[in-house]
Amino acid sequence: MAATLDLIDLETKVKAMYRQVAQEPHGSFHFELGKSVAIRVGYDVDRLAAVPTGAVESFAGVGYFFDLAALQAGETVVDLGSGSGMDAFYAAGFVGPAGHVIGVDFSQEQLAKARGLAVAAGQVDFLEGRIEDLPLDDSSVDCVISNGVINLCPDKGAVFAEAARVLRPGGRLAIADVISEQQLKESIVCDADLWASCIGGAAQQDAYLDAIESAGFTVNEQRVNPYEFISDRARSASARYGVKSISLLATKTSNHRS
């Protein structure tokens, strides 16, 4: 009988992992955190200086995409899996006081930290929710962003369908995520610990891009990020299966097609 991923176990471990990211950002993790990795993947030092330090120290992203997103003043942006808020606050610097940035996350600890940091940022809000079932209206945002989070969701097609639903016609999807060149073996895919470490949920690249296009997007640009895995298991999977971080831009061009 084929092994299956225990979804309850996965959610428990993901929440535990990111609870620690929020509360103990200087602890030991399977992945890098904070300002140093943000700068290496492409974030601007001067813009980071305007982001609350507490958000930067808990940054667990895997790439940079703001050049692809090309955010404009006055736009509305939603960040899927916003964590402690670094990308949401960074986006606020582009959309300005006339814009609106909404972070969505299901971790109580991450939300509490982000909301505390957002007190002085009037155009940034953080909502509790799941990225595959967003608490937002149809056609209500200009750009959807996400950093290192979609790989943690077993139903990636639902995530991209929700992104398409909330985007206005012509809206952009600008994300960084972990994918694999080859399909991961079953023992990795069914390992909740490797999912929580952003490895086990890495979809095969062609399947990942197809899920985006099937949701009604056209992929405009993609690139590999200078992101490095630090645990032995993650490095091994990266070497064997081509697990890597990519950033991409896609544009909403049609309604979801089955």
Protein backbone atom coordinates (compact mmCIF):
# COMPACT_ATOMS: atom_id res chain seq x y z
CA MET A 1 0.00 0.00 0.00
CA ALA A 2 1.38 3.41 -0.97
CA ALA A 3 2.42 5.75 1.80
CA THR A 4 0.43 8.96 2.24
CA LEU A 5 1.15 12.33 3.78
CA ASP A 6 -0.51 12.84 7.16
CA LEU A 7 -2.06 16.29 6.63
CA ILE A 8 -2.84 16.82 10.32
CA ASP A 9 0.74 15.97 11.25
CA LEU A 10 1.98 18.30 8.50
CA GLU A 11 -0.08 21.24 9.73
CA THR A 12 1.00 20.65 13.32
CA LYS A 13 4.68 20.61 12.35
CA VAL A 14 4.43 23.63 10.06
CA LYS A 15 2.71 25.65 12.79
CA ALA A 16 5.30 24.56 15.35
CA MET A 17 8.15 25.47 13.01
CA TYR A 18 6.84 28.94 12.26
CA ARG A 19 5.83 29.56 15.87
CA GLN A 20 9.54 29.20 16.63
CA VAL A 21 10.43 31.45 13.68
CA ALA A 22 8.24 34.18 15.17
CA GLN A 23 9.27 33.75 18.78
CA GLU A 24 12.89 32.56 18.55
CA PRO A 25 14.30 33.89 15.25
CA HIS A 26 17.88 33.48 16.44
CA GLY A 27 17.40 29.78 17.17
CA SER A 28 18.53 26.80 15.10
CA PHE A 29 16.58 26.01 11.92
CA HIS A 30 16.85 23.90 8.77
CA PHE A 31 16.84 27.13 6.74
CA GLU A 32 18.31 30.61 6.95
CA LEU A 33 16.52 33.50 8.57
CA GLY A 34 16.86 37.23 8.67
CA LYS A 35 18.58 40.15 7.04
CA SER A 36 21.62 38.31 5.65
CA VAL A 37 19.59 35.92 3.50
CA ALA A 38 17.25 38.75 2.44
CA ILE A 39 20.17 40.80 1.15
CA ARG A 40 21.77 37.82 -0.60
CA VAL A 41 18.62 37.00 -2.57
CA GLY A 42 18.15 40.61 -3.70
CA TYR A 43 16.44 42.86 -1.16
CA ASP A 44 17.59 46.48 -1.09
CA VAL A 45 19.45 47.45 2.07
CA ASP A 46 17.95 50.93 2.20
CA ARG A 47 14.39 49.67 1.78
CA LEU A 48 14.99 47.01 4.45
CA ALA A 49 15.99 49.76 6.85
CA ALA A 50 12.39 51.04 6.68
CA VAL A 51 10.98 47.62 7.63
CA PRO A 52 10.46 46.84 11.34
CA THR A 53 13.47 44.95 12.73
CA GLY A 54 11.23 42.30 14.26
CA ALA A 55 9.83 41.43 10.85
CA VAL A 56 13.25 41.27 9.21
CA GLU A 57 14.70 38.96 11.87
CA SER A 58 11.92 36.43 11.25
CA PHE A 59 12.19 36.57 7.46
CA ALA A 60 12.18 33.00 6.12
CA GLY A 61 11.80 33.71 2.41
CA VAL A 62 13.61 31.91 -0.41
CA GLY A 63 13.97 34.61 -3.06
CA TYR A 64 13.25 38.11 -4.31
CA PHE A 65 10.44 39.11 -6.68
CA PHE A 66 9.66 42.78 -6.12
CA ASP A 67 11.39 43.79 -9.34
CA LEU A 68 9.03 41.39 -11.14
CA ALA A 69 5.97 42.60 -9.21
CA ALA A 70 6.64 46.23 -10.22
CA LEU A 71 4.29 47.52 -7.51
CA GLN A 72 2.85 50.99 -8.08
CA ALA A 73 1.63 53.67 -5.71
CA GLY A 74 -1.98 53.15 -4.70
CA GLU A 75 -2.15 49.43 -5.51
CA THR A 76 -3.65 46.73 -3.31
CA VAL A 77 -1.40 43.76 -2.59
CA VAL A 78 -2.01 40.47 -0.76
CA ASP A 79 0.84 38.41 0.70
CA LEU A 80 0.09 34.70 0.93
CA GLY A 81 1.62 33.25 4.08
CA SER A 82 2.81 36.62 5.34
CA GLY A 83 4.54 35.34 8.47
CA SER A 84 5.92 38.11 10.66
CA GLY A 85 5.30 40.60 7.88
CA MET A 86 8.59 41.48 6.22
CA ASP A 87 7.36 41.24 2.64
CA ALA A 88 4.10 43.01 3.52
CA PHE A 89 5.98 45.93 5.07
CA TYR A 90 8.47 45.94 2.18
CA ALA A 91 5.55 46.08 -0.28
CA ALA A 92 4.05 48.98 1.65
CA GLY A 93 7.12 51.01 0.74
CA PHE A 94 6.20 50.68 -2.93
CA VAL A 95 2.41 51.20 -2.79
CA GLY A 96 2.67 54.13 -0.37
CA PRO A 97 -0.01 55.58 1.93
CA ALA A 98 -2.65 55.43 -0.81
CA GLY A 99 -2.08 51.71 -1.27
CA HIS A 100 -3.10 48.74 0.85
CA VAL A 101 -1.18 45.59 1.77
CA ILE A 102 -2.93 42.57 3.27
CA GLY A 103 -1.05 39.68 4.81
CA VAL A 104 -2.77 36.31 5.24
CA ASP A 105 -1.41 33.62 7.56
CA PHE A 106 -2.70 30.76 9.73
CA SER A 107 -0.04 30.94 12.45
CA GLN A 108 -1.35 32.72 15.54
CA GLU A 109 2.15 33.60 16.71
CA GLN A 110 3.20 35.03 13.36
CA LEU A 111 -0.01 37.05 13.14
CA ALA A 112 0.41 38.40 16.65
CA LYS A 113 3.95 39.51 15.91
CA ALA A 114 3.05 41.08 12.55
CA ARG A 115 0.02 42.88 13.94
CA GLY A 116 2.08 44.28 16.78
CA LEU A 117 4.63 45.62 14.32
CA ALA A 118 1.89 47.04 12.06
CA VAL A 119 0.55 49.50 14.62
CA ALA A 120 2.57 52.30 13.03
CA ALA A 121 1.84 51.21 9.44
CA GLY A 122 -1.67 52.31 8.61
CA GLN A 123 -1.91 50.70 5.18
CA VAL A 124 -0.85 47.18 6.27
CA ASP A 125 -3.33 44.66 7.71
CA PHE A 126 -2.87 41.02 8.69
CA LEU A 127 -5.76 38.56 8.43
CA GLU A 128 -6.07 35.04 9.76
CA GLY A 129 -6.77 32.58 6.97
CA ARG A 130 -5.53 29.86 4.66
CA ILE A 131 -3.90 30.62 1.36
CA GLU A 132 -6.07 28.04 -0.40
CA ASP A 133 -9.24 29.76 0.94
CA LEU A 134 -8.54 33.48 1.14
CA PRO A 135 -10.75 35.79 3.25
CA LEU A 136 -10.93 38.30 0.39
CA ASP A 137 -13.46 39.38 -2.22
CA ASP A 138 -13.28 38.49 -5.90
CA SER A 139 -11.26 40.84 -8.12
CA SER A 140 -10.18 42.95 -5.16
CA VAL A 141 -6.37 43.12 -5.46
CA ASP A 142 -3.80 44.20 -8.04
CA CYS A 143 -0.94 41.89 -7.11
CA VAL A 144 -0.54 38.64 -5.17
CA ILE A 145 2.88 37.94 -3.64
CA SER A 146 4.24 34.97 -1.69
CA ASN A 147 7.67 33.89 -0.52
CA GLY A 148 8.61 30.29 0.26
CA VAL A 149 5.11 29.34 1.37
CA ILE A 150 3.14 27.70 -1.47
CA ASN A 151 5.40 24.63 -1.33
CA LEU A 152 4.03 24.02 2.17
CA CYS A 153 0.47 23.64 0.85
CA PRO A 154 -0.54 20.18 -0.42
CA ASP A 155 -3.19 21.62 -2.79
CA LYS A 156 -1.19 24.08 -4.84
CA GLY A 157 -3.85 24.20 -7.55
CA ALA A 158 -6.30 25.59 -4.99
CA VAL A 159 -3.77 28.26 -3.97
CA PHE A 160 -3.30 29.46 -7.54
CA ALA A 161 -7.06 29.35 -8.18
CA GLU A 162 -7.62 31.56 -5.15
CA ALA A 163 -4.91 33.95 -6.30
CA ALA A 164 -6.67 34.22 -9.66
CA ARG A 165 -10.04 34.72 -7.97
CA VAL A 166 -8.96 37.68 -5.86
CA LEU A 167 -6.93 39.36 -8.62
CA ARG A 168 -8.45 41.93 -10.91
CA PRO A 169 -8.22 41.20 -14.67
CA GLY A 170 -4.60 41.64 -15.72
CA GLY A 171 -3.43 41.34 -12.11
CA ARG A 172 -0.01 39.95 -11.28
CA LEU A 173 1.23 36.95 -9.34
CA ALA A 174 4.83 37.52 -8.19
CA ILE A 175 6.28 34.77 -6.01
CA ALA A 176 9.38 32.96 -4.85
CA ASP A 177 9.06 29.28 -4.01
CA VAL A 178 10.86 25.95 -3.82
CA ILE A 179 10.39 23.50 -6.70
CA SER A 180 12.23 20.45 -8.01
CA GLU A 181 13.55 19.54 -11.43
CA GLN A 182 12.64 15.89 -10.90
CA GLN A 183 9.69 14.36 -9.10
CA LEU A 184 10.59 13.66 -5.47
CA LYS A 185 10.43 10.04 -4.31
CA GLU A 186 7.48 8.93 -2.22
CA SER A 187 9.42 8.69 1.05
CA ILE A 188 10.30 12.39 0.79
CA VAL A 189 6.85 13.53 -0.30
CA CYS A 190 5.29 11.68 2.65
CA ASP A 191 7.72 13.08 5.23
CA ALA A 192 6.01 15.90 7.15
CA ASP A 193 9.35 17.01 8.65
CA LEU A 194 10.77 17.60 5.16
CA TRP A 195 7.61 19.45 4.15
CA ALA A 196 7.98 21.75 7.16
CA SER A 197 11.59 22.36 6.06
CA CYS A 198 10.42 23.46 2.58
CA ILE A 199 11.68 20.33 0.79
CA GLY A 200 8.99 17.63 0.84
CA GLY A 201 6.37 19.86 -0.75
CA ALA A 202 8.53 20.98 -3.65
CA ALA A 203 6.46 20.26 -6.77
CA GLN A 204 8.11 19.16 -9.99
CA GLN A 205 8.76 22.33 -11.99
CA ASP A 206 6.63 21.53 -15.04
CA ALA A 207 3.70 20.45 -12.86
CA TYR A 208 4.06 23.62 -10.78
CA LEU A 209 3.98 25.90 -13.81
CA ASP A 210 1.07 23.95 -15.29
CA ALA A 211 -0.90 24.46 -12.06
CA ILE A 212 -0.35 28.21 -12.38
CA GLU A 213 -1.44 28.28 -16.02
CA SER A 214 -4.44 26.03 -15.33
CA ALA A 215 -5.66 28.61 -12.82
CA GLY A 216 -5.87 31.21 -15.59
CA PHE A 217 -2.39 32.76 -15.59
CA THR A 218 0.27 33.27 -18.22
CA VAL A 219 3.78 32.85 -16.84
CA ASN A 220 5.80 35.83 -18.07
CA GLU A 221 9.18 35.35 -16.45
CA GLN A 222 11.03 32.97 -14.13
CA ARG A 223 14.54 32.69 -12.72
CA VAL A 224 16.58 30.65 -10.26
CA ASN A 225 17.45 32.36 -6.98
CA PRO A 226 20.81 32.37 -5.14
CA TYR A 227 19.25 30.52 -2.22
CA GLU A 228 21.07 27.76 -0.34
CA PHE A 229 19.69 24.96 1.80
CA ILE A 230 21.63 24.39 5.02
CA SER A 231 20.48 21.03 6.45
CA ASP A 232 22.16 17.84 5.22
CA ARG A 233 18.82 16.29 4.17
CA ALA A 234 17.83 19.39 2.25
CA ARG A 235 21.21 19.61 0.53
CA SER A 236 21.00 15.94 -0.42
CA ALA A 237 17.53 16.38 -1.94
CA SER A 238 18.69 19.49 -3.75
CA ALA A 239 21.64 17.66 -5.29
CA ARG A 240 19.70 14.52 -6.23
CA TYR A 241 16.39 15.96 -7.41
CA GLY A 242 17.31 19.50 -8.39
CA VAL A 243 15.37 21.12 -5.57
CA LYS A 244 15.84 24.87 -5.93
CA SER A 245 14.28 28.26 -5.35
CA ILE A 246 12.75 30.18 -8.23
CA SER A 247 11.04 33.53 -8.57
CA LEU A 248 8.39 34.11 -11.21
CA LEU A 249 5.88 36.59 -12.55
CA ALA A 250 2.54 35.52 -13.98
CA THR A 251 -0.38 37.60 -15.25
CA LYS A 252 -4.05 36.76 -14.85
CA THR A 253 -5.37 36.27 -18.36
CA SER A 254 -8.53 34.18 -17.97
CA ASN A 255 -10.88 32.53 -15.54
CA HIS A 256 -9.94 29.23 -13.92
CA ARG A 257 -10.25 26.30 -16.25
CA SER A 258 -10.74 22.72 -15.08
